[in-house]
């Protein structure tokens, strides 16, 4: 399993950026990319832990239900 970094654009369009084995390296890289984004950039940068690139893309594009109000983690 690895950490994948993606740029995510408006209609769930993904752009693969990089892959890391270590969490710390992936976190540092992702934070650096977020700092480089300009205000006019219309994307977000996300890191996800997955077994493959295909699974990472599937997880990033799936629609998740909101947690019920009042429910603790």
PDB file of N, CA and C in Angstrom:
ATOM      1  N   UNK A   1       0.852  -1.170   0.000  1.00  0.00           N
ATOM      2  CA  UNK A   1       0.000   0.000   0.000  1.00  0.00           C
ATOM      3  C   UNK A   1       0.903   1.240   0.000  1.00  0.00           C
ATOM      4  N   UNK A   2       0.393   2.286  -0.633  1.00  0.00           N
ATOM      5  CA  UNK A   2       1.178   3.499  -0.781  1.00  0.00           C
ATOM      6  C   UNK A   2       0.289   4.727  -0.601  1.00  0.00           C
ATOM      7  N   UNK A   3       0.934   5.877  -0.519  1.00  0.00           N
ATOM      8  CA  UNK A   3       0.230   7.149  -0.422  1.00  0.00           C
ATOM      9  C   UNK A   3       0.297   7.811  -1.795  1.00  0.00           C
ATOM     10  N   UNK A   4      -0.870   8.142  -2.337  1.00  0.00           N
ATOM     11  CA  UNK A   4      -0.962   8.755  -3.654  1.00  0.00           C
ATOM     12  C   UNK A   4      -1.388  10.207  -3.495  1.00  0.00           C
ATOM     13  N   UNK A   5      -0.790  11.083  -4.297  1.00  0.00           N
ATOM     14  CA  UNK A   5      -1.121  12.505  -4.267  1.00  0.00           C
ATOM     15  C   UNK A   5      -1.761  12.860  -5.602  1.00  0.00           C
ATOM     16  N   UNK A   6      -2.913  13.557  -5.518  1.00  0.00           N
ATOM     17  CA  UNK A   6      -3.669  13.954  -6.704  1.00  0.00           C
ATOM     18  C   UNK A   6      -4.069  15.413  -6.622  1.00  0.00           C
ATOM     19  N   UNK A   7      -4.174  16.035  -7.792  1.00  0.00           N
ATOM     20  CA  UNK A   7      -4.846  17.316  -7.923  1.00  0.00           C
ATOM     21  C   UNK A   7      -6.270  16.987  -8.338  1.00  0.00           C
ATOM     22  N   UNK A   8      -7.243  17.629  -7.681  1.00  0.00           N
ATOM     23  CA  UNK A   8      -8.645  17.373  -7.982  1.00  0.00           C
ATOM     24  C   UNK A   8      -9.257  18.656  -8.530  1.00  0.00           C
ATOM     25  N   UNK A   9      -9.834  18.561  -9.730  1.00  0.00           N
ATOM     26  CA  UNK A   9     -10.467  19.692 -10.391  1.00  0.00           C
ATOM     27  C   UNK A   9     -11.988  19.546 -10.317  1.00  0.00           C
ATOM     28  N   UNK A  10     -12.710  20.594 -10.693  1.00  0.00           N
ATOM     29  CA  UNK A  10     -14.154  20.740 -10.492  1.00  0.00           C
ATOM     30  C   UNK A  10     -15.012  19.488 -10.693  1.00  0.00           C
ATOM     31  N   UNK A  11     -15.236  18.997 -11.880  1.00  0.00           N
ATOM     32  CA  UNK A  11     -16.198  17.876 -11.972  1.00  0.00           C
ATOM     33  C   UNK A  11     -15.543  16.521 -11.692  1.00  0.00           C
ATOM     34  N   UNK A  12     -14.874  16.399 -10.550  1.00  0.00           N
ATOM     35  CA  UNK A  12     -14.226  15.139 -10.134  1.00  0.00           C
ATOM     36  C   UNK A  12     -13.178  14.657 -11.126  1.00  0.00           C
ATOM     37  N   UNK A  13     -12.472  15.590 -11.767  1.00  0.00           N
ATOM     38  CA  UNK A  13     -11.383  15.229 -12.667  1.00  0.00           C
ATOM     39  C   UNK A  13     -10.107  15.152 -11.853  1.00  0.00           C
ATOM     40  N   UNK A  14      -9.416  14.038 -11.948  1.00  0.00           N
ATOM     41  CA  UNK A  14      -8.210  13.799 -11.159  1.00  0.00           C
ATOM     42  C   UNK A  14      -6.967  13.906 -12.019  1.00  0.00           C
ATOM     43  N   UNK A  15      -5.911  14.441 -11.413  1.00  0.00           N
ATOM     44  CA  UNK A  15      -4.611  14.496 -12.078  1.00  0.00           C
ATOM     45  C   UNK A  15      -3.583  13.898 -11.122  1.00  0.00           C
ATOM     46  N   UNK A  16      -3.046  12.739 -11.508  1.00  0.00           N
ATOM     47  CA  UNK A  16      -2.054  12.047 -10.689  1.00  0.00           C
ATOM     48  C   UNK A  16      -0.798  12.899 -10.596  1.00  0.00           C
ATOM     49  N   UNK A  17      -0.251  13.014  -9.366  1.00  0.00           N
ATOM     50  CA  UNK A  17       0.958  13.816  -9.169  1.00  0.00           C
ATOM     51  C   UNK A  17       2.141  12.934  -8.785  1.00  0.00           C
ATOM     52  N   UNK A  18       1.997  12.154  -7.706  1.00  0.00           N
ATOM     53  CA  UNK A  18       3.126  11.345  -7.248  1.00  0.00           C
ATOM     54  C   UNK A  18       2.660  10.252  -6.294  1.00  0.00           C
ATOM     55  N   UNK A  19       3.574   9.355  -5.944  1.00  0.00           N
ATOM     56  CA  UNK A  19       3.306   8.222  -5.058  1.00  0.00           C
ATOM     57  C   UNK A  19       4.450   8.114  -4.055  1.00  0.00           C
ATOM     58  N   UNK A  20       4.090   7.811  -2.793  1.00  0.00           N
ATOM     59  CA  UNK A  20       5.093   7.706  -1.734  1.00  0.00           C
ATOM     60  C   UNK A  20       4.842   6.467  -0.899  1.00  0.00           C
ATOM     61  N   UNK A  21       5.904   5.890  -0.380  1.00  0.00           N
ATOM     62  CA  UNK A  21       5.791   4.740   0.520  1.00  0.00           C
ATOM     63  C   UNK A  21       5.653   5.184   1.974  1.00  0.00           C
ATOM     64  N   UNK A  22       6.257   6.306   2.319  1.00  0.00           N
ATOM     65  CA  UNK A  22       6.263   6.787   3.705  1.00  0.00           C
ATOM     66  C   UNK A  22       5.257   7.925   3.873  1.00  0.00           C
ATOM     67  N   UNK A  23       4.494   7.874   4.954  1.00  0.00           N
ATOM     68  CA  UNK A  23       3.484   8.893   5.238  1.00  0.00           C
ATOM     69  C   UNK A  23       4.109  10.281   5.383  1.00  0.00           C
ATOM     70  N   UNK A  24       5.181  10.367   6.118  1.00  0.00           N
ATOM     71  CA  UNK A  24       5.814  11.666   6.378  1.00  0.00           C
ATOM     72  C   UNK A  24       6.237  12.351   5.075  1.00  0.00           C
ATOM     73  N   UNK A  25       6.811  11.585   4.145  1.00  0.00           N
ATOM     74  CA  UNK A  25       7.222  12.156   2.856  1.00  0.00           C
ATOM     75  C   UNK A  25       6.010  12.645   2.069  1.00  0.00           C
ATOM     76  N   UNK A  26       4.947  11.846   2.060  1.00  0.00           N
ATOM     77  CA  UNK A  26       3.731  12.218   1.331  1.00  0.00           C
ATOM     78  C   UNK A  26       3.097  13.460   1.940  1.00  0.00           C
ATOM     79  N   UNK A  27       3.051  13.538   3.257  1.00  0.00           N
ATOM     80  CA  UNK A  27       2.449  14.687   3.941  1.00  0.00           C
ATOM     81  C   UNK A  27       3.229  15.963   3.641  1.00  0.00           C
ATOM     82  N   UNK A  28       4.545  15.894   3.715  1.00  0.00           N
ATOM     83  CA  UNK A  28       5.389  17.060   3.445  1.00  0.00           C
ATOM     84  C   UNK A  28       5.213  17.534   2.002  1.00  0.00           C
ATOM     85  N   UNK A  29       5.194  16.606   1.069  1.00  0.00           N
ATOM     86  CA  UNK A  29       5.027  16.937  -0.343  1.00  0.00           C
ATOM     87  C   UNK A  29       3.662  17.576  -0.588  1.00  0.00           C
ATOM     88  N   UNK A  30       2.607  17.000  -0.011  1.00  0.00           N
ATOM     89  CA  UNK A  30       1.247  17.508  -0.194  1.00  0.00           C
ATOM     90  C   UNK A  30       1.110  18.914   0.372  1.00  0.00           C
ATOM     91  N   UNK A  31       1.635  19.147   1.558  1.00  0.00           N
ATOM     92  CA  UNK A  31       1.569  20.482   2.159  1.00  0.00           C
ATOM     93  C   UNK A  31       2.327  21.508   1.319  1.00  0.00           C
ATOM     94  N   UNK A  32       3.469  21.108   0.784  1.00  0.00           N
ATOM     95  CA  UNK A  32       4.237  22.006  -0.086  1.00  0.00           C
ATOM     96  C   UNK A  32       3.476  22.368  -1.346  1.00  0.00           C
ATOM     97  N   UNK A  33       2.800  21.393  -1.931  1.00  0.00           N
ATOM     98  CA  UNK A  33       2.001  21.670  -3.132  1.00  0.00           C
ATOM     99  C   UNK A  33       0.841  22.594  -2.818  1.00  0.00           C
ATOM    100  N   UNK A  34       0.203  22.410  -1.667  1.00  0.00           N
ATOM    101  CA  UNK A  34      -0.924  23.270  -1.285  1.00  0.00           C
ATOM    102  C   UNK A  34      -0.465  24.712  -1.106  1.00  0.00           C
ATOM    103  N   UNK A  35       0.734  24.915  -0.566  1.00  0.00           N
ATOM    104  CA  UNK A  35       1.259  26.268  -0.383  1.00  0.00           C
ATOM    105  C   UNK A  35       1.550  26.940  -1.721  1.00  0.00           C
ATOM    106  N   UNK A  36       1.904  26.152  -2.741  1.00  0.00           N
ATOM    107  CA  UNK A  36       2.229  26.689  -4.056  1.00  0.00           C
ATOM    108  C   UNK A  36       0.998  27.065  -4.870  1.00  0.00           C
ATOM    109  N   UNK A  37      -0.189  26.571  -4.478  1.00  0.00           N
ATOM    110  CA  UNK A  37      -1.402  26.879  -5.225  1.00  0.00           C
ATOM    111  C   UNK A  37      -1.727  28.362  -5.121  1.00  0.00           C
ATOM    112  N   UNK A  38      -2.054  28.959  -6.239  1.00  0.00           N
ATOM    113  CA  UNK A  38      -2.463  30.363  -6.250  1.00  0.00           C
ATOM    114  C   UNK A  38      -3.970  30.437  -6.022  1.00  0.00           C
ATOM    115  N   UNK A  39      -4.447  31.617  -5.664  1.00  0.00           N
ATOM    116  CA  UNK A  39      -5.875  31.794  -5.385  1.00  0.00           C
ATOM    117  C   UNK A  39      -6.734  31.485  -6.613  1.00  0.00           C
ATOM    118  N   UNK A  40      -6.196  31.746  -7.803  1.00  0.00           N
ATOM    119  CA  UNK A  40      -6.975  31.494  -9.019  1.00  0.00           C
ATOM    120  C   UNK A  40      -6.942  30.030  -9.467  1.00  0.00           C
ATOM    121  N   UNK A  41      -6.112  29.217  -8.861  1.00  0.00           N
ATOM    122  CA  UNK A  41      -6.092  27.787  -9.184  1.00  0.00           C
ATOM    123  C   UNK A  41      -7.401  27.162  -8.744  1.00  0.00           C
ATOM    124  N   UNK A  42      -7.986  26.414  -9.634  1.00  0.00           N
ATOM    125  CA  UNK A  42      -9.285  25.810  -9.354  1.00  0.00           C
ATOM    126  C   UNK A  42      -9.141  24.321  -9.064  1.00  0.00           C
ATOM    127  N   UNK A  43      -8.230  23.995  -8.179  1.00  0.00           N
ATOM    128  CA  UNK A  43      -8.049  22.597  -7.814  1.00  0.00           C
ATOM    129  C   UNK A  43      -7.665  22.500  -6.349  1.00  0.00           C
ATOM    130  N   UNK A  44      -7.786  21.301  -5.823  1.00  0.00           N
ATOM    131  CA  UNK A  44      -7.315  21.015  -4.480  1.00  0.00           C
ATOM    132  C   UNK A  44      -6.287  19.890  -4.587  1.00  0.00           C
ATOM    133  N   UNK A  45      -5.467  19.759  -3.575  1.00  0.00           N
ATOM    134  CA  UNK A  45      -4.465  18.692  -3.554  1.00  0.00           C
ATOM    135  C   UNK A  45      -4.821  17.744  -2.421  1.00  0.00           C
ATOM    136  N   UNK A  46      -4.939  16.460  -2.745  1.00  0.00           N
ATOM    137  CA  UNK A  46      -5.313  15.468  -1.747  1.00  0.00           C
ATOM    138  C   UNK A  46      -4.326  14.311  -1.756  1.00  0.00           C
ATOM    139  N   UNK A  47      -4.141  13.737  -0.584  1.00  0.00           N
ATOM    140  CA  UNK A  47      -3.312  12.550  -0.415  1.00  0.00           C
ATOM    141  C   UNK A  47      -4.242  11.439   0.046  1.00  0.00           C
ATOM    142  N   UNK A  48      -4.040  10.234  -0.485  1.00  0.00           N
ATOM    143  CA  UNK A  48      -4.883   9.109  -0.093  1.00  0.00           C
ATOM    144  C   UNK A  48      -4.045   7.847   0.007  1.00  0.00           C
ATOM    145  N   UNK A  49      -4.390   7.010   0.966  1.00  0.00           N
ATOM    146  CA  UNK A  49      -3.704   5.737   1.200  1.00  0.00           C
ATOM    147  C   UNK A  49      -4.506   4.640   0.516  1.00  0.00           C
ATOM    148  N   UNK A  50      -3.882   3.919  -0.404  1.00  0.00           N
ATOM    149  CA  UNK A  50      -4.591   2.882  -1.156  1.00  0.00           C
ATOM    150  C   UNK A  50      -3.610   1.811  -1.614  1.00  0.00           C
ATOM    151  N   UNK A  51      -4.180   0.677  -2.012  1.00  0.00           N
ATOM    152  CA  UNK A  51      -3.335  -0.439  -2.453  1.00  0.00           C
ATOM    153  C   UNK A  51      -2.867  -0.282  -3.897  1.00  0.00           C
ATOM    154  N   UNK A  52      -3.580   0.524  -4.689  1.00  0.00           N
ATOM    155  CA  UNK A  52      -3.180   0.750  -6.075  1.00  0.00           C
ATOM    156  C   UNK A  52      -3.658   2.116  -6.534  1.00  0.00           C
ATOM    157  N   UNK A  53      -3.135   2.543  -7.666  1.00  0.00           N
ATOM    158  CA  UNK A  53      -3.527   3.829  -8.235  1.00  0.00           C
ATOM    159  C   UNK A  53      -5.017   3.814  -8.593  1.00  0.00           C
ATOM    160  N   UNK A  54      -5.500   2.697  -9.108  1.00  0.00           N
ATOM    161  CA  UNK A  54      -6.907   2.566  -9.487  1.00  0.00           C
ATOM    162  C   UNK A  54      -7.818   2.679  -8.262  1.00  0.00           C
ATOM    163  N   UNK A  55      -7.440   2.035  -7.160  1.00  0.00           N
ATOM    164  CA  UNK A  55      -8.244   2.123  -5.944  1.00  0.00           C
ATOM    165  C   UNK A  55      -8.241   3.549  -5.404  1.00  0.00           C
ATOM    166  N   UNK A  56      -7.114   4.222  -5.458  1.00  0.00           N
ATOM    167  CA  UNK A  56      -7.020   5.606  -4.989  1.00  0.00           C
ATOM    168  C   UNK A  56      -7.974   6.497  -5.779  1.00  0.00           C
ATOM    169  N   UNK A  57      -7.996   6.332  -7.098  1.00  0.00           N
ATOM    170  CA  UNK A  57      -8.882   7.136  -7.937  1.00  0.00           C
ATOM    171  C   UNK A  57     -10.342   6.823  -7.655  1.00  0.00           C
ATOM    172  N   UNK A  58     -10.651   5.564  -7.422  1.00  0.00           N
ATOM    173  CA  UNK A  58     -12.029   5.171  -7.104  1.00  0.00           C
ATOM    174  C   UNK A  58     -12.466   5.789  -5.773  1.00  0.00           C
ATOM    175  N   UNK A  59     -11.595   5.741  -4.772  1.00  0.00           N
ATOM    176  CA  UNK A  59     -11.920   6.313  -3.467  1.00  0.00           C
ATOM    177  C   UNK A  59     -12.102   7.834  -3.533  1.00  0.00           C
ATOM    178  N   UNK A  60     -11.305   8.496  -4.339  1.00  0.00           N
ATOM    179  CA  UNK A  60     -11.397   9.949  -4.447  1.00  0.00           C
ATOM    180  C   UNK A  60     -12.639  10.413  -5.200  1.00  0.00           C
ATOM    181  N   UNK A  61     -13.183   9.579  -6.075  1.00  0.00           N
ATOM    182  CA  UNK A  61     -14.340   9.990  -6.872  1.00  0.00           C
ATOM    183  C   UNK A  61     -15.672   9.483  -6.326  1.00  0.00           C
ATOM    184  N   UNK A  62     -15.652   8.587  -5.363  1.00  0.00           N
ATOM    185  CA  UNK A  62     -16.926   8.084  -4.856  1.00  0.00           C
ATOM    186  C   UNK A  62     -17.617   9.133  -3.995  1.00  0.00           C
ATOM    187  N   UNK A  63     -18.945   9.100  -4.030  1.00  0.00           N
ATOM    188  CA  UNK A  63     -19.747  10.040  -3.251  1.00  0.00           C
ATOM    189  C   UNK A  63     -19.967   9.442  -1.874  1.00  0.00           C
ATOM    190  N   UNK A  64     -19.617  10.209  -0.853  1.00  0.00           N
ATOM    191  CA  UNK A  64     -19.744   9.727   0.518  1.00  0.00           C
ATOM    192  C   UNK A  64     -20.897  10.432   1.201  1.00  0.00           C
ATOM    193  N   UNK A  65     -21.627   9.681   2.011  1.00  0.00           N
ATOM    194  CA  UNK A  65     -22.724  10.271   2.768  1.00  0.00           C
ATOM    195  C   UNK A  65     -22.161  11.014   3.968  1.00  0.00           C
ATOM    196  N   UNK A  66     -22.836  12.108   4.311  1.00  0.00           N
ATOM    197  CA  UNK A  66     -22.426  12.864   5.497  1.00  0.00           C
ATOM    198  C   UNK A  66     -22.770  12.077   6.742  1.00  0.00           C
ATOM    199  N   UNK A  67     -21.942  12.228   7.772  1.00  0.00           N
ATOM    200  CA  UNK A  67     -22.227  11.556   9.042  1.00  0.00           C
ATOM    201  C   UNK A  67     -23.446  12.169   9.692  1.00  0.00           C
ATOM    202  N   UNK A  68     -24.273  11.391  10.368  1.00  0.00           N
ATOM    203  CA  UNK A  68     -25.439  11.951  11.053  1.00  0.00           C
ATOM    204  C   UNK A  68     -24.995  12.946  12.135  1.00  0.00           C
ATOM    205  N   UNK A  69     -25.790  13.989  12.315  1.00  0.00           N
ATOM    206  CA  UNK A  69     -25.471  14.983  13.339  1.00  0.00           C
ATOM    207  C   UNK A  69     -25.529  14.366  14.728  1.00  0.00           C
ATOM    208  N   UNK A  70     -24.619  14.775  15.560  1.00  0.00           N
ATOM    209  CA  UNK A  70     -24.597  14.301  16.926  1.00  0.00           C
ATOM    210  C   UNK A  70     -23.880  12.983  17.144  1.00  0.00           C
ATOM    211  N   UNK A  71     -23.418  12.375  16.084  1.00  0.00           N
ATOM    212  CA  UNK A  71     -22.706  11.100  16.215  1.00  0.00           C
ATOM    213  C   UNK A  71     -21.232  11.375  16.451  1.00  0.00           C
ATOM    214  N   UNK A  72     -20.680  10.778  17.480  1.00  0.00           N
ATOM    215  CA  UNK A  72     -19.259  10.920  17.756  1.00  0.00           C
ATOM    216  C   UNK A  72     -18.477   9.963  16.886  1.00  0.00           C
ATOM    217  N   UNK A  73     -17.202  10.266  16.711  1.00  0.00           N
ATOM    218  CA  UNK A  73     -16.332   9.453  15.876  1.00  0.00           C
ATOM    219  C   UNK A  73     -16.343   8.056  16.411  1.00  0.00           C
TER     220      UNK A  73
END
